[in-house]
Amino acid sequence: MYIYPDDLKAAPTLWLWRLRDLTAGGLLAVFGVVTLTQFGTPLFAAIAALYLFLTVRIEDACILDFIRKAGVYFIGRPQLYRWASPFQLEVTTNEDCRKKKEKKHPLPDAGGADHRA
């Protein structure tokens, strides 16, 4: 009897990890054990444990994905902050601001008429 996932295009998983994450974590763990036994440093074993902890998937979400998205949002992409009155409900984009700046206003004495009364 075969058990298929609901979505056949989904990434293959084993226990709480995707196979790619489990493979990378396993290789890091093996490398960590080798460096621990040969050199006495637990650095790579700690990195493997941290990586496997950050890639645990629960309901198709993991902490490492959140950290990546937060890094892209706060560091990778420039943000546009616009301070406005709380009563101003109109949302403008950069293109709207550029169009307003490009629009030329007529001079008060245009056309020879004196607008001062």
PDB file of N, CA and C in Angstrom:
ATOM      1  N   MET A   1       0.843  -1.173   0.000  1.00  0.00           N
ATOM      2  CA  MET A   1       0.000   0.000   0.000  1.00  0.00           C
ATOM      3  C   MET A   1       0.897   1.247   0.000  1.00  0.00           C
ATOM      4  N   TYR A   2       0.603   2.205  -0.897  1.00  0.00           N
ATOM      5  CA  TYR A   2       1.374   3.436  -1.014  1.00  0.00           C
ATOM      6  C   TYR A   2       0.588   4.579  -0.402  1.00  0.00           C
ATOM      7  N   ILE A   3       1.297   5.468   0.282  1.00  0.00           N
ATOM      8  CA  ILE A   3       0.670   6.663   0.846  1.00  0.00           C
ATOM      9  C   ILE A   3       1.284   7.861   0.143  1.00  0.00           C
ATOM     10  N   TYR A   4       0.472   8.631  -0.551  1.00  0.00           N
ATOM     11  CA  TYR A   4       0.936   9.792  -1.293  1.00  0.00           C
ATOM     12  C   TYR A   4       0.554  11.056  -0.538  1.00  0.00           C
ATOM     13  N   PRO A   5       1.389  12.099  -0.622  1.00  0.00           N
ATOM     14  CA  PRO A   5       0.997  13.376  -0.009  1.00  0.00           C
ATOM     15  C   PRO A   5      -0.128  14.019  -0.807  1.00  0.00           C
ATOM     16  N   ASP A   6      -0.785  14.968  -0.193  1.00  0.00           N
ATOM     17  CA  ASP A   6      -1.889  15.661  -0.870  1.00  0.00           C
ATOM     18  C   ASP A   6      -1.404  16.397  -2.115  1.00  0.00           C
ATOM     19  N   ASP A   7      -0.250  17.003  -2.029  1.00  0.00           N
ATOM     20  CA  ASP A   7       0.294  17.761  -3.148  1.00  0.00           C
ATOM     21  C   ASP A   7       1.562  17.046  -3.622  1.00  0.00           C
ATOM     22  N   LEU A   8       1.543  16.496  -4.807  1.00  0.00           N
ATOM     23  CA  LEU A   8       2.693  15.742  -5.297  1.00  0.00           C
ATOM     24  C   LEU A   8       3.890  16.627  -5.628  1.00  0.00           C
ATOM     25  N   LYS A   9       3.689  17.942  -5.664  1.00  0.00           N
ATOM     26  CA  LYS A   9       4.796  18.853  -5.925  1.00  0.00           C
ATOM     27  C   LYS A   9       5.436  19.342  -4.629  1.00  0.00           C
ATOM     28  N   ALA A  10       4.970  18.888  -3.497  1.00  0.00           N
ATOM     29  CA  ALA A  10       5.521  19.320  -2.213  1.00  0.00           C
ATOM     30  C   ALA A  10       6.930  18.764  -2.022  1.00  0.00           C
ATOM     31  N   ALA A  11       7.709  19.461  -1.204  1.00  0.00           N
ATOM     32  CA  ALA A  11       9.076  19.018  -0.932  1.00  0.00           C
ATOM     33  C   ALA A  11       9.036  17.752  -0.082  1.00  0.00           C
ATOM     34  N   PRO A  12       9.931  16.803  -0.345  1.00  0.00           N
ATOM     35  CA  PRO A  12       9.943  15.570   0.452  1.00  0.00           C
ATOM     36  C   PRO A  12      10.410  15.844   1.875  1.00  0.00           C
ATOM     37  N   THR A  13       9.712  15.259   2.830  1.00  0.00           N
ATOM     38  CA  THR A  13      10.032  15.478   4.237  1.00  0.00           C
ATOM     39  C   THR A  13      10.248  14.146   4.940  1.00  0.00           C
ATOM     40  N   LEU A  14      10.999  14.185   6.013  1.00  0.00           N
ATOM     41  CA  LEU A  14      11.217  13.031   6.864  1.00  0.00           C
ATOM     42  C   LEU A  14      11.190  13.541   8.292  1.00  0.00           C
ATOM     43  N   TRP A  15      10.286  13.028   9.081  1.00  0.00           N
ATOM     44  CA  TRP A  15      10.030  13.452  10.451  1.00  0.00           C
ATOM     45  C   TRP A  15       9.668  14.935  10.455  1.00  0.00           C
ATOM     46  N   LEU A  16      10.491  15.772  11.049  1.00  0.00           N
ATOM     47  CA  LEU A  16      10.158  17.194  11.146  1.00  0.00           C
ATOM     48  C   LEU A  16      10.979  18.078  10.206  1.00  0.00           C
ATOM     49  N   TRP A  17      11.758  17.470   9.302  1.00  0.00           N
ATOM     50  CA  TRP A  17      12.632  18.233   8.428  1.00  0.00           C
ATOM     51  C   TRP A  17      12.374  17.886   6.970  1.00  0.00           C
ATOM     52  N   ARG A  18      12.720  18.813   6.097  1.00  0.00           N
ATOM     53  CA  ARG A  18      12.799  18.494   4.682  1.00  0.00           C
ATOM     54  C   ARG A  18      14.044  17.656   4.478  1.00  0.00           C
ATOM     55  N   LEU A  19      14.046  16.842   3.446  1.00  0.00           N
ATOM     56  CA  LEU A  19      15.197  15.971   3.213  1.00  0.00           C
ATOM     57  C   LEU A  19      16.485  16.755   2.961  1.00  0.00           C
ATOM     58  N   ARG A  20      16.365  17.882   2.301  1.00  0.00           N
ATOM     59  CA  ARG A  20      17.544  18.722   2.050  1.00  0.00           C
ATOM     60  C   ARG A  20      18.130  19.215   3.378  1.00  0.00           C
ATOM     61  N   ASP A  21      17.275  19.666   4.295  1.00  0.00           N
ATOM     62  CA  ASP A  21      17.752  20.148   5.590  1.00  0.00           C
ATOM     63  C   ASP A  21      18.305  19.010   6.438  1.00  0.00           C
ATOM     64  N   LEU A  22      17.649  17.868   6.376  1.00  0.00           N
ATOM     65  CA  LEU A  22      18.125  16.711   7.141  1.00  0.00           C
ATOM     66  C   LEU A  22      19.479  16.228   6.635  1.00  0.00           C
ATOM     67  N   THR A  23      19.676  16.260   5.318  1.00  0.00           N
ATOM     68  CA  THR A  23      20.958  15.863   4.739  1.00  0.00           C
ATOM     69  C   THR A  23      22.056  16.844   5.145  1.00  0.00           C
ATOM     70  N   ALA A  24      21.778  18.144   5.019  1.00  0.00           N
ATOM     71  CA  ALA A  24      22.783  19.141   5.399  1.00  0.00           C
ATOM     72  C   ALA A  24      23.091  19.056   6.887  1.00  0.00           C
ATOM     73  N   GLY A  25      22.077  18.909   7.717  1.00  0.00           N
ATOM     74  CA  GLY A  25      22.298  18.782   9.154  1.00  0.00           C
ATOM     75  C   GLY A  25      23.059  17.519   9.513  1.00  0.00           C
ATOM     76  N   GLY A  26      22.766  16.416   8.818  1.00  0.00           N
ATOM     77  CA  GLY A  26      23.486  15.170   9.057  1.00  0.00           C
ATOM     78  C   GLY A  26      24.952  15.274   8.680  1.00  0.00           C
ATOM     79  N   LEU A  27      25.233  15.914   7.536  1.00  0.00           N
ATOM     80  CA  LEU A  27      26.629  16.103   7.132  1.00  0.00           C
ATOM     81  C   LEU A  27      27.372  17.013   8.104  1.00  0.00           C
ATOM     82  N   LEU A  28      26.701  18.072   8.562  1.00  0.00           N
ATOM     83  CA  LEU A  28      27.318  18.941   9.561  1.00  0.00           C
ATOM     84  C   LEU A  28      27.564  18.191  10.865  1.00  0.00           C
ATOM     85  N   ALA A  29      26.622  17.326  11.240  1.00  0.00           N
ATOM     86  CA  ALA A  29      26.778  16.552  12.471  1.00  0.00           C
ATOM     87  C   ALA A  29      27.952  15.584  12.361  1.00  0.00           C
ATOM     88  N   VAL A  30      28.096  14.910  11.225  1.00  0.00           N
ATOM     89  CA  VAL A  30      29.225  13.996  11.033  1.00  0.00           C
ATOM     90  C   VAL A  30      30.535  14.769  11.071  1.00  0.00           C
ATOM     91  N   PHE A  31      30.575  15.911  10.382  1.00  0.00           N
ATOM     92  CA  PHE A  31      31.772  16.748  10.391  1.00  0.00           C
ATOM     93  C   PHE A  31      32.056  17.256  11.802  1.00  0.00           C
ATOM     94  N   GLY A  32      31.003  17.578  12.554  1.00  0.00           N
ATOM     95  CA  GLY A  32      31.163  18.038  13.926  1.00  0.00           C
ATOM     96  C   GLY A  32      31.717  16.959  14.833  1.00  0.00           C
ATOM     97  N   VAL A  33      31.262  15.715  14.658  1.00  0.00           N
ATOM     98  CA  VAL A  33      31.785  14.602  15.463  1.00  0.00           C
ATOM     99  C   VAL A  33      33.245  14.356  15.134  1.00  0.00           C
ATOM    100  N   VAL A  34      33.603  14.428  13.853  1.00  0.00           N
ATOM    101  CA  VAL A  34      34.993  14.223  13.446  1.00  0.00           C
ATOM    102  C   VAL A  34      35.883  15.309  14.038  1.00  0.00           C
ATOM    103  N   THR A  35      35.472  16.567  13.930  1.00  0.00           N
ATOM    104  CA  THR A  35      36.299  17.650  14.483  1.00  0.00           C
ATOM    105  C   THR A  35      36.340  17.592  16.007  1.00  0.00           C
ATOM    106  N   LEU A  36      35.267  17.123  16.634  1.00  0.00           N
ATOM    107  CA  LEU A  36      35.266  16.995  18.088  1.00  0.00           C
ATOM    108  C   LEU A  36      36.243  15.917  18.546  1.00  0.00           C
ATOM    109  N   THR A  37      36.258  14.795  17.852  1.00  0.00           N
ATOM    110  CA  THR A  37      37.154  13.705  18.264  1.00  0.00           C
ATOM    111  C   THR A  37      38.603  13.981  17.884  1.00  0.00           C
ATOM    112  N   GLN A  38      38.841  14.613  16.742  1.00  0.00           N
ATOM    113  CA  GLN A  38      40.219  14.826  16.287  1.00  0.00           C
ATOM    114  C   GLN A  38      40.859  16.068  16.895  1.00  0.00           C
ATOM    115  N   PHE A  39      40.092  17.149  17.008  1.00  0.00           N
ATOM    116  CA  PHE A  39      40.665  18.419  17.451  1.00  0.00           C
ATOM    117  C   PHE A  39      40.136  18.880  18.805  1.00  0.00           C
ATOM    118  N   GLY A  40      39.080  18.256  19.286  1.00  0.00           N
ATOM    119  CA  GLY A  40      38.537  18.613  20.592  1.00  0.00           C
ATOM    120  C   GLY A  40      37.696  19.877  20.595  1.00  0.00           C
ATOM    121  N   THR A  41      37.275  20.373  19.424  1.00  0.00           N
ATOM    122  CA  THR A  41      36.458  21.576  19.349  1.00  0.00           C
ATOM    123  C   THR A  41      35.015  21.211  19.000  1.00  0.00           C
ATOM    124  N   PRO A  42      34.066  21.650  19.796  1.00  0.00           N
ATOM    125  CA  PRO A  42      32.664  21.324  19.519  1.00  0.00           C
ATOM    126  C   PRO A  42      31.963  22.345  18.620  1.00  0.00           C
ATOM    127  N   LEU A  43      32.727  23.167  17.913  1.00  0.00           N
ATOM    128  CA  LEU A  43      32.136  24.243  17.111  1.00  0.00           C
ATOM    129  C   LEU A  43      31.185  23.712  16.035  1.00  0.00           C
ATOM    130  N   PHE A  44      31.621  22.772  15.218  1.00  0.00           N
ATOM    131  CA  PHE A  44      30.778  22.283  14.130  1.00  0.00           C
ATOM    132  C   PHE A  44      29.614  21.439  14.642  1.00  0.00           C
ATOM    133  N   ALA A  45      29.805  20.757  15.765  1.00  0.00           N
ATOM    134  CA  ALA A  45      28.692  20.015  16.361  1.00  0.00           C
ATOM    135  C   ALA A  45      27.613  20.984  16.851  1.00  0.00           C
ATOM    136  N   ALA A  46      28.047  22.113  17.413  1.00  0.00           N
ATOM    137  CA  ALA A  46      27.090  23.129  17.862  1.00  0.00           C
ATOM    138  C   ALA A  46      26.383  23.774  16.669  1.00  0.00           C
ATOM    139  N   ILE A  47      27.118  24.003  15.588  1.00  0.00           N
ATOM    140  CA  ILE A  47      26.510  24.574  14.380  1.00  0.00           C
ATOM    141  C   ILE A  47      25.477  23.602  13.807  1.00  0.00           C
ATOM    142  N   ALA A  48      25.799  22.318  13.804  1.00  0.00           N
ATOM    143  CA  ALA A  48      24.853  21.310  13.302  1.00  0.00           C
ATOM    144  C   ALA A  48      23.595  21.271  14.166  1.00  0.00           C
ATOM    145  N   ALA A  49      23.768  21.311  15.481  1.00  0.00           N
ATOM    146  CA  ALA A  49      22.609  21.292  16.382  1.00  0.00           C
ATOM    147  C   ALA A  49      21.752  22.536  16.195  1.00  0.00           C
ATOM    148  N   LEU A  50      22.395  23.696  16.044  1.00  0.00           N
ATOM    149  CA  LEU A  50      21.654  24.939  15.826  1.00  0.00           C
ATOM    150  C   LEU A  50      20.910  24.908  14.486  1.00  0.00           C
ATOM    151  N   TYR A  51      21.577  24.433  13.441  1.00  0.00           N
ATOM    152  CA  TYR A  51      20.942  24.348  12.121  1.00  0.00           C
ATOM    153  C   TYR A  51      19.730  23.406  12.154  1.00  0.00           C
ATOM    154  N   LEU A  52      19.893  22.251  12.776  1.00  0.00           N
ATOM    155  CA  LEU A  52      18.769  21.310  12.847  1.00  0.00           C
ATOM    156  C   LEU A  52      17.633  21.862  13.695  1.00  0.00           C
ATOM    157  N   PHE A  53      17.955  22.617  14.737  1.00  0.00           N
ATOM    158  CA  PHE A  53      16.895  23.240  15.544  1.00  0.00           C
ATOM    159  C   PHE A  53      16.146  24.301  14.750  1.00  0.00           C
ATOM    160  N   LEU A  54      16.883  25.120  13.986  1.00  0.00           N
ATOM    161  CA  LEU A  54      16.249  26.208  13.233  1.00  0.00           C
ATOM    162  C   LEU A  54      15.452  25.713  12.035  1.00  0.00           C
ATOM    163  N   THR A  55      15.700  24.496  11.561  1.00  0.00           N
ATOM    164  CA  THR A  55      14.991  23.999  10.379  1.00  0.00           C
ATOM    165  C   THR A  55      13.880  23.016  10.712  1.00  0.00           C
ATOM    166  N   VAL A  56      13.526  22.860  11.973  1.00  0.00           N
ATOM    167  CA  VAL A  56      12.385  22.012  12.324  1.00  0.00           C
ATOM    168  C   VAL A  56      11.128  22.639  11.724  1.00  0.00           C
ATOM    169  N   ARG A  57      10.372  21.847  10.974  1.00  0.00           N
ATOM    170  CA  ARG A  57       9.167  22.349  10.303  1.00  0.00           C
ATOM    171  C   ARG A  57       7.919  21.886  11.034  1.00  0.00           C
ATOM    172  N   ILE A  58       7.103  22.851  11.385  1.00  0.00           N
ATOM    173  CA  ILE A  58       5.799  22.568  11.968  1.00  0.00           C
ATOM    174  C   ILE A  58       4.792  23.339  11.140  1.00  0.00           C
ATOM    175  N   GLU A  59       3.863  22.612  10.526  1.00  0.00           N
ATOM    176  CA  GLU A  59       2.848  23.196   9.642  1.00  0.00           C
ATOM    177  C   GLU A  59       3.501  24.029   8.538  1.00  0.00           C
ATOM    178  N   ASP A  60       4.544  23.478   7.913  1.00  0.00           N
ATOM    179  CA  ASP A  60       5.259  24.061   6.778  1.00  0.00           C
ATOM    180  C   ASP A  60       5.873  25.430   7.088  1.00  0.00           C
ATOM    181  N   ALA A  61       6.286  25.642   8.325  1.00  0.00           N
ATOM    182  CA  ALA A  61       6.978  26.868   8.704  1.00  0.00           C
ATOM    183  C   ALA A  61       8.144  26.501   9.606  1.00  0.00           C
ATOM    184  N   CYS A  62       9.253  27.217   9.413  1.00  0.00           N
ATOM    185  CA  CYS A  62      10.410  26.987  10.283  1.00  0.00           C
ATOM    186  C   CYS A  62      11.015  28.331  10.661  1.00  0.00           C
ATOM    187  N   ILE A  63      11.802  28.310  11.708  1.00  0.00           N
ATOM    188  CA  ILE A  63      12.391  29.537  12.230  1.00  0.00           C
ATOM    189  C   ILE A  63      13.395  30.125  11.244  1.00  0.00           C
ATOM    190  N   LEU A  64      14.139  29.288  10.562  1.00  0.00           N
ATOM    191  CA  LEU A  64      15.145  29.774   9.622  1.00  0.00           C
ATOM    192  C   LEU A  64      14.508  30.537   8.456  1.00  0.00           C
ATOM    193  N   ASP A  65      13.352  30.085   7.968  1.00  0.00           N
ATOM    194  CA  ASP A  65      12.644  30.823   6.914  1.00  0.00           C
ATOM    195  C   ASP A  65      12.216  32.199   7.409  1.00  0.00           C
ATOM    196  N   PHE A  66      11.742  32.257   8.659  1.00  0.00           N
ATOM    197  CA  PHE A  66      11.333  33.535   9.227  1.00  0.00           C
ATOM    198  C   PHE A  66      12.524  34.478   9.343  1.00  0.00           C
ATOM    199  N   ILE A  67      13.669  33.972   9.784  1.00  0.00           N
ATOM    200  CA  ILE A  67      14.866  34.804   9.921  1.00  0.00           C
ATOM    201  C   ILE A  67      15.320  35.307   8.547  1.00  0.00           C
ATOM    202  N   ARG A  68      15.264  34.450   7.536  1.00  0.00           N
ATOM    203  CA  ARG A  68      15.645  34.875   6.179  1.00  0.00           C
ATOM    204  C   ARG A  68      14.722  35.974   5.666  1.00  0.00           C
ATOM    205  N   LYS A  69      13.416  35.789   5.830  1.00  0.00           N
ATOM    206  CA  LYS A  69      12.460  36.798   5.349  1.00  0.00           C
ATOM    207  C   LYS A  69      12.594  38.104   6.114  1.00  0.00           C
ATOM    208  N   ALA A  70      12.838  38.028   7.413  1.00  0.00           N
ATOM    209  CA  ALA A  70      13.027  39.247   8.203  1.00  0.00           C
ATOM    210  C   ALA A  70      14.299  39.965   7.782  1.00  0.00           C
ATOM    211  N   GLY A  71      15.357  39.221   7.492  1.00  0.00           N
ATOM    212  CA  GLY A  71      16.597  39.837   7.027  1.00  0.00           C
ATOM    213  C   GLY A  71      16.422  40.540   5.699  1.00  0.00           C
ATOM    214  N   VAL A  72      15.706  39.916   4.789  1.00  0.00           N
ATOM    215  CA  VAL A  72      15.450  40.549   3.491  1.00  0.00           C
ATOM    216  C   VAL A  72      14.588  41.787   3.670  1.00  0.00           C
ATOM    217  N   TYR A  73      13.594  41.718   4.549  1.00  0.00           N
ATOM    218  CA  TYR A  73      12.685  42.851   4.740  1.00  0.00           C
ATOM    219  C   TYR A  73      13.391  44.034   5.387  1.00  0.00           C
ATOM    220  N   PHE A  74      14.176  43.778   6.446  1.00  0.00           N
ATOM    221  CA  PHE A  74      14.776  44.877   7.176  1.00  0.00           C
ATOM    222  C   PHE A  74      16.127  45.310   6.630  1.00  0.00           C
ATOM    223  N   ILE A  75      16.882  44.410   6.010  1.00  0.00           N
ATOM    224  CA  ILE A  75      18.237  44.744   5.567  1.00  0.00           C
ATOM    225  C   ILE A  75      18.337  44.784   4.046  1.00  0.00           C
ATOM    226  N   GLY A  76      17.746  43.809   3.365  1.00  0.00           N
ATOM    227  CA  GLY A  76      17.936  43.666   1.928  1.00  0.00           C
ATOM    228  C   GLY A  76      17.186  44.657   1.070  1.00  0.00           C
ATOM    229  N   ARG A  77      16.005  45.036   1.454  1.00  0.00           N
ATOM    230  CA  ARG A  77      15.174  45.917   0.646  1.00  0.00           C
ATOM    231  C   ARG A  77      15.036  47.275   1.325  1.00  0.00           C
ATOM    232  N   PRO A  78      15.284  48.375   0.619  1.00  0.00           N
ATOM    233  CA  PRO A  78      15.109  49.681   1.244  1.00  0.00           C
ATOM    234  C   PRO A  78      13.625  49.962   1.502  1.00  0.00           C
ATOM    235  N   GLN A  79      13.363  50.576   2.633  1.00  0.00           N
ATOM    236  CA  GLN A  79      11.987  50.878   3.010  1.00  0.00           C
ATOM    237  C   GLN A  79      11.709  52.354   2.769  1.00  0.00           C
ATOM    238  N   LEU A  80      10.473  52.677   2.502  1.00  0.00           N
ATOM    239  CA  LEU A  80      10.044  54.052   2.316  1.00  0.00           C
ATOM    240  C   LEU A  80       9.115  54.407   3.467  1.00  0.00           C
ATOM    241  N   TYR A  81       9.539  55.351   4.270  1.00  0.00           N
ATOM    242  CA  TYR A  81       8.718  55.791   5.391  1.00  0.00           C
ATOM    243  C   TYR A  81       8.207  57.191   5.086  1.00  0.00           C
ATOM    244  N   ARG A  82       6.917  57.386   5.223  1.00  0.00           N
ATOM    245  CA  ARG A  82       6.311  58.678   4.911  1.00  0.00           C
ATOM    246  C   ARG A  82       5.497  59.106   6.109  1.00  0.00           C
ATOM    247  N   TRP A  83       5.869  60.217   6.681  1.00  0.00           N
ATOM    248  CA  TRP A  83       5.158  60.737   7.835  1.00  0.00           C
ATOM    249  C   TRP A  83       4.036  61.629   7.337  1.00  0.00           C
ATOM    250  N   ALA A  84       2.830  61.376   7.799  1.00  0.00           N
ATOM    251  CA  ALA A  84       1.673  62.138   7.344  1.00  0.00           C
ATOM    252  C   ALA A  84       0.730  62.338   8.515  1.00  0.00           C
ATOM    253  N   SER A  85      -0.209  63.191   8.311  1.00  0.00           N
ATOM    254  CA  SER A  85      -1.230  63.447   9.319  1.00  0.00           C
ATOM    255  C   SER A  85      -2.090  62.198   9.494  1.00  0.00           C
ATOM    256  N   PRO A  86      -2.533  61.905  10.724  1.00  0.00           N
ATOM    257  CA  PRO A  86      -3.384  60.721  10.908  1.00  0.00           C
ATOM    258  C   PRO A  86      -4.739  60.861  10.225  1.00  0.00           C
ATOM    259  N   PHE A  87      -5.101  62.087   9.861  1.00  0.00           N
ATOM    260  CA  PHE A  87      -6.387  62.309   9.203  1.00  0.00           C
ATOM    261  C   PHE A  87      -6.291  62.143   7.697  1.00  0.00           C
ATOM    262  N   GLN A  88      -5.081  62.043   7.186  1.00  0.00           N
ATOM    263  CA  GLN A  88      -4.893  61.869   5.751  1.00  0.00           C
ATOM    264  C   GLN A  88      -5.023  60.385   5.427  1.00  0.00           C
ATOM    265  N   LEU A  89      -6.049  60.012   4.702  1.00  0.00           N
ATOM    266  CA  LEU A  89      -6.324  58.616   4.419  1.00  0.00           C
ATOM    267  C   LEU A  89      -5.847  58.186   3.046  1.00  0.00           C
ATOM    268  N   GLU A  90      -5.470  59.149   2.212  1.00  0.00           N
ATOM    269  CA  GLU A  90      -5.050  58.820   0.856  1.00  0.00           C
ATOM    270  C   GLU A  90      -3.656  58.202   0.880  1.00  0.00           C
ATOM    271  N   VAL A  91      -3.514  57.091   0.210  1.00  0.00           N
ATOM    272  CA  VAL A  91      -2.226  56.418   0.122  1.00  0.00           C
ATOM    273  C   VAL A  91      -1.619  56.760  -1.230  1.00  0.00           C
ATOM    274  N   THR A  92      -0.399  57.265  -1.197  1.00  0.00           N
ATOM    275  CA  THR A  92       0.262  57.619  -2.449  1.00  0.00           C
ATOM    276  C   THR A  92       1.488  56.744  -2.628  1.00  0.00           C
ATOM    277  N   THR A  93       1.868  56.566  -3.865  1.00  0.00           N
ATOM    278  CA  THR A  93       3.051  55.782  -4.179  1.00  0.00           C
ATOM    279  C   THR A  93       4.161  56.719  -4.631  1.00  0.00           C
ATOM    280  N   ASN A  94       5.318  56.174  -4.878  1.00  0.00           N
ATOM    281  CA  ASN A  94       6.444  56.977  -5.355  1.00  0.00           C
ATOM    282  C   ASN A  94       6.127  57.625  -6.690  1.00  0.00           C
ATOM    283  N   GLU A  95       5.411  56.910  -7.557  1.00  0.00           N
ATOM    284  CA  GLU A  95       5.076  57.458  -8.873  1.00  0.00           C
ATOM    285  C   GLU A  95       4.141  58.660  -8.738  1.00  0.00           C
ATOM    286  N   ASP A  96       3.186  58.601  -7.789  1.00  0.00           N
ATOM    287  CA  ASP A  96       2.290  59.732  -7.571  1.00  0.00           C
ATOM    288  C   ASP A  96       3.077  60.954  -7.106  1.00  0.00           C
ATOM    289  N   CYS A  97       4.056  60.759  -6.235  1.00  0.00           N
ATOM    290  CA  CYS A  97       4.875  61.869  -5.740  1.00  0.00           C
ATOM    291  C   CYS A  97       5.694  62.469  -6.879  1.00  0.00           C
ATOM    292  N   ARG A  98       6.244  61.618  -7.742  1.00  0.00           N
ATOM    293  CA  ARG A  98       7.028  62.121  -8.872  1.00  0.00           C
ATOM    294  C   ARG A  98       6.162  62.925  -9.827  1.00  0.00           C
ATOM    295  N   LYS A  99       4.941  62.468 -10.084  1.00  0.00           N
ATOM    296  CA  LYS A  99       4.048  63.188 -10.990  1.00  0.00           C
ATOM    297  C   LYS A  99       3.693  64.550 -10.421  1.00  0.00           C
ATOM    298  N   LYS A 100       3.495  64.628  -9.108  1.00  0.00           N
ATOM    299  CA  LYS A 100       3.161  65.913  -8.492  1.00  0.00           C
ATOM    300  C   LYS A 100       4.337  66.874  -8.575  1.00  0.00           C
ATOM    301  N   LYS A 101       5.569  66.362  -8.429  1.00  0.00           N
ATOM    302  CA  LYS A 101       6.746  67.217  -8.513  1.00  0.00           C
ATOM    303  C   LYS A 101       6.978  67.698  -9.938  1.00  0.00           C
ATOM    304  N   GLU A 102       6.667  66.848 -10.913  1.00  0.00           N
ATOM    305  CA  GLU A 102       6.896  67.206 -12.315  1.00  0.00           C
ATOM    306  C   GLU A 102       5.859  68.187 -12.842  1.00  0.00           C
ATOM    307  N   LYS A 103       4.699  68.223 -12.230  1.00  0.00           N
ATOM    308  CA  LYS A 103       3.637  69.119 -12.694  1.00  0.00           C
ATOM    309  C   LYS A 103       4.075  70.570 -12.492  1.00  0.00           C
ATOM    310  N   LYS A 104       3.992  71.371 -13.569  1.00  0.00           N
ATOM    311  CA  LYS A 104       4.422  72.762 -13.501  1.00  0.00           C
ATOM    312  C   LYS A 104       3.235  73.627 -13.119  1.00  0.00           C
ATOM    313  N   HIS A 105       3.486  74.509 -12.189  1.00  0.00           N
ATOM    314  CA  HIS A 105       2.446  75.444 -11.756  1.00  0.00           C
ATOM    315  C   HIS A 105       2.595  76.732 -12.544  1.00  0.00           C
ATOM    316  N   PRO A 106       1.470  77.342 -12.970  1.00  0.00           N
ATOM    317  CA  PRO A 106       1.557  78.590 -13.731  1.00  0.00           C
ATOM    318  C   PRO A 106       2.017  79.735 -12.816  1.00  0.00           C
ATOM    319  N   LEU A 107       2.756  80.629 -13.414  1.00  0.00           N
ATOM    320  CA  LEU A 107       3.212  81.803 -12.678  1.00  0.00           C
ATOM    321  C   LEU A 107       2.037  82.741 -12.445  1.00  0.00           C
ATOM    322  N   PRO A 108       2.051  83.553 -11.379  1.00  0.00           N
ATOM    323  CA  PRO A 108       0.916  84.441 -11.107  1.00  0.00           C
ATOM    324  C   PRO A 108       0.715  85.492 -12.191  1.00  0.00           C
ATOM    325  N   ASP A 109       1.778  85.887 -12.886  1.00  0.00           N
ATOM    326  CA  ASP A 109       1.604  86.898 -13.942  1.00  0.00           C
ATOM    327  C   ASP A 109       1.587  86.268 -15.326  1.00  0.00           C
ATOM    328  N   ALA A 110       1.223  84.997 -15.443  1.00  0.00           N
ATOM    329  CA  ALA A 110       1.186  84.344 -16.736  1.00  0.00           C
ATOM    330  C   ALA A 110       0.051  84.919 -17.571  1.00  0.00           C
ATOM    331  N   GLY A 111       0.312  85.092 -18.832  1.00  0.00           N
ATOM    332  CA  GLY A 111      -0.695  85.607 -19.740  1.00  0.00           C
ATOM    333  C   GLY A 111      -0.872  87.112 -19.670  1.00  0.00           C
ATOM    334  N   GLY A 112      -0.023  87.790 -18.938  1.00  0.00           N
ATOM    335  CA  GLY A 112      -0.076  89.229 -18.903  1.00  0.00           C
ATOM    336  C   GLY A 112      -1.125  89.778 -17.943  1.00  0.00           C
ATOM    337  N   ALA A 113      -1.930  88.948 -17.353  1.00  0.00           N
ATOM    338  CA  ALA A 113      -2.965  89.454 -16.449  1.00  0.00           C
ATOM    339  C   ALA A 113      -2.379  89.591 -15.058  1.00  0.00           C
ATOM    340  N   ASP A 114      -2.808  90.655 -14.387  1.00  0.00           N
ATOM    341  CA  ASP A 114      -2.339  90.897 -13.026  1.00  0.00           C
ATOM    342  C   ASP A 114      -3.365  90.302 -12.076  1.00  0.00           C
ATOM    343  N   HIS A 115      -2.946  89.292 -11.287  1.00  0.00           N
ATOM    344  CA  HIS A 115      -3.874  88.601 -10.387  1.00  0.00           C
ATOM    345  C   HIS A 115      -3.934  89.262  -9.024  1.00  0.00           C
ATOM    346  N   ARG A 116      -3.127  90.284  -8.813  1.00  0.00           N
ATOM    347  CA  ARG A 116      -3.180  91.003  -7.541  1.00  0.00           C
ATOM    348  C   ARG A 116      -4.234  92.073  -7.656  1.00  0.00           C
ATOM    349  N   ALA A 117      -5.118  92.077  -6.728  1.00  0.00           N
ATOM    350  CA  ALA A 117      -6.193  93.080  -6.809  1.00  0.00           C
ATOM    351  C   ALA A 117      -6.108  94.084  -5.687  1.00  0.00           C
TER     352      ALA A 117
END
